[in-house]
């Protein structure tokens, strides 16, 4: 296998050119080394805030994409951590680089069969637009490595709103990817996962500074993401709701939009223990006001499903038709079989009793 990338040893890890032909570009500050591993993967706090929108909430407009990753064994031991940044010069997303055939992840698993779980922490959910084909590449990668599981956590959804021309395409691709559950899970970053990112991927963070309060604006955005990804895929995400159980001002648009949908205790067996600040009723929530003071332990992350089949969520929906790809490089993607139609017949007690009465009448007629 001839890799597409070139990797160089650095002071605290490695730096990687995802495509060997990349050169320094004035249009992209990260070129040509878009993948960094080990401690080289850490980014300044200001960059983390601008791209991920922590702790205040999403920042717009968002032109840069950043994805942190962890490669783990079936027992959960860390093999490698790193990050991939988007290329603004060539308009390439991080997931497209990582999951490229003969790319970095393909080579990593080919050379280390102990890797069984990939965790992505992305600033944006993956898309499947023609210039990127991130989800198609993920789908093809997972077909080649059926024993590898993929967990995707995102800070905000990318181009799934109706005003974006590719929104229907992206939503259908997310449904197709989610249909691979439990090999694939899609969830918003929430709760203690934020503190895990600060501890493992942000420079200059240590001790108490890792446990920064999750502010109301960020918590509302996380809950909105959980609602939206559930509506798109039909699969409940892993989500920790840390908002206080107080009666907030109804004028807050984000809160009002979520009023009819409650995602508390989506996974009660895996819930974190959170102590909320006591807010008085009818207070207006300021997006910059902390909503928790004793914070979620970042070590309590969702379990990894490897080598076992956990119980499926009750409302899982399978969408097995992948969108048609116009790219030559994605023409040979494996597509799952089309599901057969199933006729559903509902038998009620009234129907059963009337059927028994008809049979008795027939027997009497024969006698």
Protein backbone atom coordinates (compact mmCIF):
# COMPACT_ATOMS: atom_id res chain seq x y z
CA UNK A 1 0.00 0.00 0.00
CA UNK A 2 1.51 3.31 -1.11
CA UNK A 3 0.35 6.04 1.31
CA UNK A 4 -0.83 9.44 0.15
CA UNK A 5 0.71 11.20 3.13
CA UNK A 6 4.18 12.07 4.42
CA UNK A 7 4.94 12.05 8.17
CA UNK A 8 7.79 13.78 9.94
CA UNK A 9 9.06 13.50 13.50
CA UNK A 10 8.59 16.66 15.59
CA UNK A 11 9.54 17.67 19.14
CA UNK A 12 6.36 16.37 20.83
CA UNK A 13 4.88 14.01 18.23
CA UNK A 14 4.67 14.00 14.45
CA UNK A 15 3.48 16.39 11.75
CA UNK A 16 1.83 15.01 8.65
CA UNK A 17 1.19 16.20 5.12
CA UNK A 18 -2.10 14.42 4.30
CA UNK A 19 -1.25 14.58 0.58
CA UNK A 20 2.40 14.28 -0.42
CA UNK A 21 1.99 16.91 -3.14
CA UNK A 22 0.88 19.67 -0.73
CA UNK A 23 3.14 22.69 -0.42
CA UNK A 24 3.09 25.82 1.73
CA UNK A 25 0.19 28.03 0.67
CA UNK A 26 -0.47 31.69 1.35
CA UNK A 27 -4.19 30.90 1.30
CA UNK A 28 -3.94 28.43 4.21
CA UNK A 29 -2.06 29.07 7.44
CA UNK A 30 -1.89 25.34 8.28
CA UNK A 31 -0.47 24.09 4.98
CA UNK A 32 1.09 21.70 4.38
CA UNK A 33 0.98 19.97 7.80
CA UNK A 34 -2.73 19.49 8.45
CA UNK A 35 -2.40 16.41 10.71
CA UNK A 36 -0.51 16.54 13.99
CA UNK A 37 -0.10 13.72 16.50
CA UNK A 38 0.81 13.39 20.17
CA UNK A 39 1.40 16.62 22.08
CA UNK A 40 1.84 18.39 18.75
CA UNK A 41 -1.94 18.12 18.42
CA UNK A 42 -2.60 20.69 21.16
CA UNK A 43 -3.99 24.05 20.04
CA UNK A 44 -4.09 27.44 21.83
CA UNK A 45 -7.18 28.15 23.90
CA UNK A 46 -8.14 31.11 21.70
CA UNK A 47 -8.21 28.87 18.62
CA UNK A 48 -10.25 26.25 20.47
CA UNK A 49 -12.78 28.90 21.54
CA UNK A 50 -13.09 30.41 18.05
CA UNK A 51 -13.57 27.08 16.25
CA UNK A 52 -15.47 25.00 18.83
CA UNK A 53 -17.39 27.83 20.53
CA UNK A 54 -16.51 26.91 24.11
CA UNK A 55 -17.54 28.06 26.69
CA UNK A 56 -19.89 30.75 25.32
CA UNK A 57 -21.55 28.91 22.42
CA UNK A 58 -21.17 28.73 18.61
CA UNK A 59 -19.31 31.50 16.81
CA UNK A 60 -20.40 32.60 13.33
CA UNK A 61 -19.44 32.69 10.54
CA UNK A 62 -17.31 29.55 10.76
CA UNK A 63 -14.83 28.96 7.93
CA UNK A 64 -12.28 26.69 9.63
CA UNK A 65 -12.88 23.08 10.64
CA UNK A 66 -10.90 21.21 13.27
CA UNK A 67 -11.17 17.56 14.31
CA UNK A 68 -9.41 16.00 17.29
CA UNK A 69 -9.15 12.20 17.31
CA UNK A 70 -8.20 9.27 19.49
CA UNK A 71 -7.25 5.80 18.26
CA UNK A 72 -7.89 3.13 20.88
CA UNK A 73 -7.68 -0.62 21.40
CA UNK A 74 -10.69 -2.81 22.25
CA UNK A 75 -9.81 -2.43 25.96
CA UNK A 76 -9.88 1.37 25.67
CA UNK A 77 -6.10 1.91 25.81
CA UNK A 78 -4.95 4.94 23.84
CA UNK A 79 -2.76 4.16 20.84
CA UNK A 80 -2.55 7.67 19.41
CA UNK A 81 -4.16 11.08 19.71
CA UNK A 82 -4.01 13.85 17.15
CA UNK A 83 -5.87 16.48 15.18
CA UNK A 84 -6.64 17.31 11.57
CA UNK A 85 -7.36 20.83 10.36
CA UNK A 86 -9.21 21.90 7.23
CA UNK A 87 -7.33 23.31 4.26
CA UNK A 88 -8.80 26.68 3.27
CA UNK A 89 -6.56 26.84 0.20
CA UNK A 90 -7.84 23.57 -1.29
CA UNK A 91 -11.24 23.60 0.48
CA UNK A 92 -10.72 20.19 2.11
CA UNK A 93 -12.36 19.07 5.36
CA UNK A 94 -10.46 17.18 8.09
CA UNK A 95 -12.62 14.02 7.84
CA UNK A 96 -11.99 13.87 4.10
CA UNK A 97 -8.23 13.82 4.75
CA UNK A 98 -8.32 11.29 7.58
CA UNK A 99 -10.58 8.72 5.90
CA UNK A 100 -9.07 8.92 2.41
CA UNK A 101 -8.25 5.55 0.87
CA UNK A 102 -4.52 4.97 1.45
CA UNK A 103 -4.70 7.96 3.78
CA UNK A 104 -3.60 8.37 7.38
CA UNK A 105 -6.25 6.27 9.18
CA UNK A 106 -6.14 3.58 6.52
CA UNK A 107 -2.38 3.25 6.98
CA UNK A 108 -2.57 3.46 10.79
CA UNK A 109 -4.97 0.51 11.09
CA UNK A 110 -3.22 -1.44 8.34
CA UNK A 111 0.02 -1.20 10.35
CA UNK A 112 -1.54 -1.65 13.81
CA UNK A 113 -4.26 -4.28 14.00
CA UNK A 114 -4.79 -3.48 17.68
CA UNK A 115 -6.71 -0.30 16.81
CA UNK A 116 -10.40 -1.09 17.22
CA UNK A 117 -12.02 2.24 18.02
CA UNK A 118 -11.79 5.72 16.49
CA UNK A 119 -13.20 8.70 18.38
CA UNK A 120 -13.63 12.03 16.58
CA UNK A 121 -14.27 15.33 18.36
CA UNK A 122 -15.17 17.69 15.52
CA UNK A 123 -16.08 21.34 15.36
CA UNK A 124 -18.70 20.39 12.74
CA UNK A 125 -20.70 17.29 11.91
CA UNK A 126 -19.41 15.47 8.80
CA UNK A 127 -20.94 16.39 5.45
CA UNK A 128 -21.25 14.68 2.10
CA UNK A 129 -21.06 17.62 -0.26
CA UNK A 130 -19.46 17.00 -3.65
CA UNK A 131 -16.23 18.86 -2.85
CA UNK A 132 -15.60 16.82 0.30
CA UNK A 133 -17.52 13.49 0.40
CA UNK A 134 -16.56 13.05 4.06
CA UNK A 135 -19.38 10.63 4.92
CA UNK A 136 -18.90 8.58 1.75
CA UNK A 137 -15.24 8.12 2.64
CA UNK A 138 -16.19 7.14 6.19
CA UNK A 139 -18.71 4.64 4.85
CA UNK A 140 -16.14 3.08 2.53
CA UNK A 141 -13.53 2.99 5.32
CA UNK A 142 -15.89 1.21 7.73
CA UNK A 143 -16.77 -1.33 5.04
CA UNK A 144 -13.06 -2.16 4.71
CA UNK A 145 -12.63 -2.39 8.51
CA UNK A 146 -15.86 -3.92 9.88
CA UNK A 147 -14.22 -4.63 13.27
CA UNK A 148 -13.47 -0.94 13.87
CA UNK A 149 -16.07 1.24 15.61
CA UNK A 150 -16.43 4.99 15.10
CA UNK A 151 -17.76 7.53 17.61
CA UNK A 152 -18.33 11.06 16.31
CA UNK A 153 -18.87 14.02 18.64
CA UNK A 154 -19.53 17.44 17.13
CA UNK A 155 -19.84 21.01 18.36
CA UNK A 156 -22.34 22.15 15.73
CA UNK A 157 -24.21 20.72 12.75
CA UNK A 158 -22.82 21.58 9.33
CA UNK A 159 -25.15 22.73 6.52
CA UNK A 160 -28.22 20.79 7.64
CA UNK A 161 -30.57 23.80 7.77
CA UNK A 162 -33.02 24.33 4.90
CA UNK A 163 -31.33 27.55 3.70
CA UNK A 164 -28.25 25.62 2.56
CA UNK A 165 -28.57 24.08 -0.96
CA UNK A 166 -26.86 20.83 0.15
CA UNK A 167 -28.87 20.42 3.38
CA UNK A 168 -31.07 17.55 2.09
CA UNK A 169 -27.97 15.76 0.79
CA UNK A 170 -26.15 16.13 4.12
CA UNK A 171 -29.15 15.03 6.19
CA UNK A 172 -29.66 11.89 4.08
CA UNK A 173 -25.94 11.06 4.37
CA UNK A 174 -26.08 11.46 8.17
CA UNK A 175 -29.08 9.08 8.26
CA UNK A 176 -27.15 6.53 6.22
CA UNK A 177 -24.13 6.80 8.49
CA UNK A 178 -26.26 6.50 11.63
CA UNK A 179 -27.87 3.34 10.21
CA UNK A 180 -24.56 1.56 10.89
CA UNK A 181 -25.26 1.65 14.65
CA UNK A 182 -23.67 0.28 16.84
CA UNK A 183 -20.55 0.45 14.67
CA UNK A 184 -21.14 4.20 14.36
CA UNK A 185 -22.53 6.70 16.87
CA UNK A 186 -23.27 10.40 16.26
CA UNK A 187 -23.59 12.69 19.29
CA UNK A 188 -23.10 16.32 20.28
CA UNK A 189 -20.19 17.27 22.49
CA UNK A 190 -21.68 17.85 25.93
CA UNK A 191 -21.00 17.69 29.66
CA UNK A 192 -17.66 16.27 30.72
CA UNK A 193 -16.49 15.67 27.14
CA UNK A 194 -15.73 19.41 26.98
CA UNK A 195 -13.35 19.06 29.92
CA UNK A 196 -11.73 16.01 28.34
CA UNK A 197 -10.96 18.12 25.25
CA UNK A 198 -9.49 20.92 27.35
CA UNK A 199 -7.31 18.44 29.22
CA UNK A 200 -6.08 16.45 26.21
CA UNK A 201 -6.00 18.85 23.27
CA UNK A 202 -5.69 22.47 24.48
CA UNK A 203 -2.30 23.91 25.42
CA UNK A 204 -1.72 25.70 28.70
CA UNK A 205 -4.57 23.88 30.49
CA UNK A 206 -3.87 22.04 33.72
CA UNK A 207 -5.37 21.42 37.14
CA UNK A 208 -8.37 23.55 38.03
CA UNK A 209 -8.28 25.46 34.72
CA UNK A 210 -9.44 22.31 32.90
CA UNK A 211 -12.75 22.35 34.79
CA UNK A 212 -14.14 25.57 33.40
CA UNK A 213 -17.87 26.17 33.86
CA UNK A 214 -20.09 25.24 30.95
CA UNK A 215 -22.04 28.41 30.31
CA UNK A 216 -25.74 28.62 29.46
CA UNK A 217 -25.22 29.55 25.80
CA UNK A 218 -23.04 26.50 25.25
CA UNK A 219 -25.37 24.17 27.18
CA UNK A 220 -28.38 25.35 25.14
CA UNK A 221 -26.47 24.80 21.90
CA UNK A 222 -25.49 21.28 22.99
CA UNK A 223 -29.10 20.41 23.79
CA UNK A 224 -30.26 21.84 20.47
CA UNK A 225 -27.66 19.69 18.67
CA UNK A 226 -28.95 16.59 20.48
CA UNK A 227 -32.51 17.37 19.42
CA UNK A 228 -31.52 18.03 15.80
CA UNK A 229 -29.34 14.93 15.30
CA UNK A 230 -32.11 12.80 16.81
CA UNK A 231 -34.64 14.36 14.42
CA UNK A 232 -32.34 13.77 11.43
CA UNK A 233 -31.23 10.19 12.13
CA UNK A 234 -33.98 8.77 14.34
CA UNK A 235 -31.31 7.54 16.79
CA UNK A 236 -31.02 9.09 20.25
CA UNK A 237 -27.52 10.47 20.79
CA UNK A 238 -25.29 10.21 23.84
CA UNK A 239 -26.03 13.48 25.64
CA UNK A 240 -25.57 14.99 29.10
CA UNK A 241 -28.06 17.75 29.93
CA UNK A 242 -26.56 20.04 32.57
CA UNK A 243 -29.17 22.82 32.43
CA UNK A 244 -30.78 23.62 35.80
CA UNK A 245 -34.34 22.53 36.42
CA UNK A 246 -35.59 26.09 36.91
CA UNK A 247 -38.36 28.03 35.20
CA UNK A 248 -36.46 30.24 32.75
CA UNK A 249 -37.70 33.30 30.91
CA UNK A 250 -39.85 32.26 27.96
CA UNK A 251 -38.42 35.04 25.79
CA UNK A 252 -35.22 33.10 25.18
CA UNK A 253 -35.63 31.84 21.61
CA UNK A 254 -33.30 28.88 21.87
CA UNK A 255 -35.02 27.69 25.02
CA UNK A 256 -38.49 28.17 23.57
CA UNK A 257 -37.62 26.21 20.44
CA UNK A 258 -36.70 23.22 22.59
CA UNK A 259 -39.64 23.56 25.01
CA UNK A 260 -41.58 20.61 23.60
CA UNK A 261 -38.66 18.19 23.49
CA UNK A 262 -36.87 16.92 26.59
CA UNK A 263 -33.65 14.97 26.32
CA UNK A 264 -33.05 14.55 30.04
CA UNK A 265 -31.66 11.13 30.98
CA UNK A 266 -31.38 9.91 27.40
CA UNK A 267 -29.02 7.27 28.73
CA UNK A 268 -29.95 7.00 32.42
CA UNK A 269 -27.54 4.18 33.11
CA UNK A 270 -24.65 6.33 31.90
CA UNK A 271 -25.76 9.64 33.40
CA UNK A 272 -23.26 11.87 35.15
CA UNK A 273 -23.76 13.30 38.63
CA UNK A 274 -24.04 17.07 38.35
CA UNK A 275 -24.66 19.65 41.04
CA UNK A 276 -26.56 22.68 39.71
CA UNK A 277 -26.44 26.21 40.97
CA UNK A 278 -29.70 27.27 42.58
CA UNK A 279 -31.39 29.79 40.27
CA UNK A 280 -34.49 31.66 41.31
CA UNK A 281 -37.65 31.25 39.17
CA UNK A 282 -38.29 33.65 36.27
CA UNK A 283 -34.64 34.71 35.99
CA UNK A 284 -33.40 35.65 32.52
CA UNK A 285 -30.59 33.28 31.54
CA UNK A 286 -27.45 35.12 30.49
CA UNK A 287 -25.41 33.04 27.97
CA UNK A 288 -22.27 34.00 29.90
CA UNK A 289 -23.56 32.86 33.30
CA UNK A 290 -22.30 29.43 34.46
CA UNK A 291 -25.02 26.85 34.90
CA UNK A 292 -22.95 24.38 36.90
CA UNK A 293 -20.35 24.77 39.59
CA UNK A 294 -19.35 21.22 40.51
CA UNK A 295 -18.46 19.93 37.07
CA UNK A 296 -18.76 16.63 35.26
CA UNK A 297 -15.76 14.28 35.58
CA UNK A 298 -14.21 14.18 32.11
CA UNK A 299 -13.09 10.57 32.56
CA UNK A 300 -16.68 9.29 32.54
CA UNK A 301 -17.04 9.01 28.79
CA UNK A 302 -19.50 6.76 26.93
CA UNK A 303 -18.58 3.06 26.78
CA UNK A 304 -16.97 1.65 23.66
CA UNK A 305 -18.99 -1.08 21.95
CA UNK A 306 -16.39 -3.52 20.67
CA UNK A 307 -16.94 -7.21 20.12
CA UNK A 308 -20.42 -7.18 21.61
CA UNK A 309 -23.95 -6.25 20.55
CA UNK A 310 -25.60 -3.92 23.06
CA UNK A 311 -29.35 -3.47 23.13
CA UNK A 312 -30.51 -1.28 20.27
CA UNK A 313 -32.37 1.95 20.98
CA UNK A 314 -36.10 1.50 20.64
CA UNK A 315 -36.47 4.17 17.98
CA UNK A 316 -33.56 3.27 15.71
CA UNK A 317 -34.34 3.84 12.03
CA UNK A 318 -32.40 2.19 9.24
CA UNK A 319 -31.69 4.24 6.09
CA UNK A 320 -29.71 1.98 3.86
CA UNK A 321 -29.60 3.87 0.57
CA UNK A 322 -26.45 5.96 0.30
CA UNK A 323 -26.68 9.04 -1.94
CA UNK A 324 -25.26 8.59 -5.43
CA UNK A 325 -21.74 10.00 -5.67
CA UNK A 326 -20.66 11.86 -8.80
CA UNK A 327 -16.95 11.53 -7.99
CA UNK A 328 -14.84 8.95 -9.82
CA UNK A 329 -13.03 8.12 -6.59
CA UNK A 330 -16.28 7.25 -4.85
CA UNK A 331 -17.98 5.29 -7.63
CA UNK A 332 -16.91 1.98 -6.15
CA UNK A 333 -18.24 2.59 -2.66
CA UNK A 334 -19.97 -0.40 -1.13
CA UNK A 335 -23.64 0.25 -0.60
CA UNK A 336 -25.80 -1.68 1.81
CA UNK A 337 -28.67 -3.73 0.37
CA UNK A 338 -32.05 -2.13 -0.10
CA UNK A 339 -34.48 -3.16 2.61
CA UNK A 340 -37.47 -5.33 1.63
CA UNK A 341 -40.94 -3.90 2.21
CA UNK A 342 -42.75 -5.37 5.20
CA UNK A 343 -46.52 -5.56 5.51
CA UNK A 344 -47.71 -4.66 8.98
CA UNK A 345 -50.91 -6.25 10.25
CA UNK A 346 -52.41 -5.20 13.56
CA UNK A 347 -54.57 -7.77 15.34
CA UNK A 348 -56.94 -6.32 17.89
CA UNK A 349 -58.96 -8.05 20.57
CA UNK A 350 -62.20 -7.13 18.81
CA UNK A 351 -60.98 -8.66 15.55
CA UNK A 352 -59.99 -11.90 17.30
CA UNK A 353 -63.32 -12.26 19.13
CA UNK A 354 -65.37 -11.68 15.93
CA UNK A 355 -63.29 -14.31 14.15
CA UNK A 356 -64.05 -16.86 16.90
CA UNK A 357 -67.79 -16.08 16.67
CA UNK A 358 -67.79 -16.70 12.89
CA UNK A 359 -66.12 -20.09 13.38
CA UNK A 360 -68.78 -21.13 15.95
CA UNK A 361 -71.57 -20.15 13.53
CA UNK A 362 -70.00 -22.28 10.77
CA UNK A 363 -69.83 -25.33 13.09
CA UNK A 364 -73.51 -24.94 14.07
CA UNK A 365 -74.49 -24.69 10.39
CA UNK A 366 -72.73 -27.97 9.61
CA UNK A 367 -74.49 -29.69 12.51
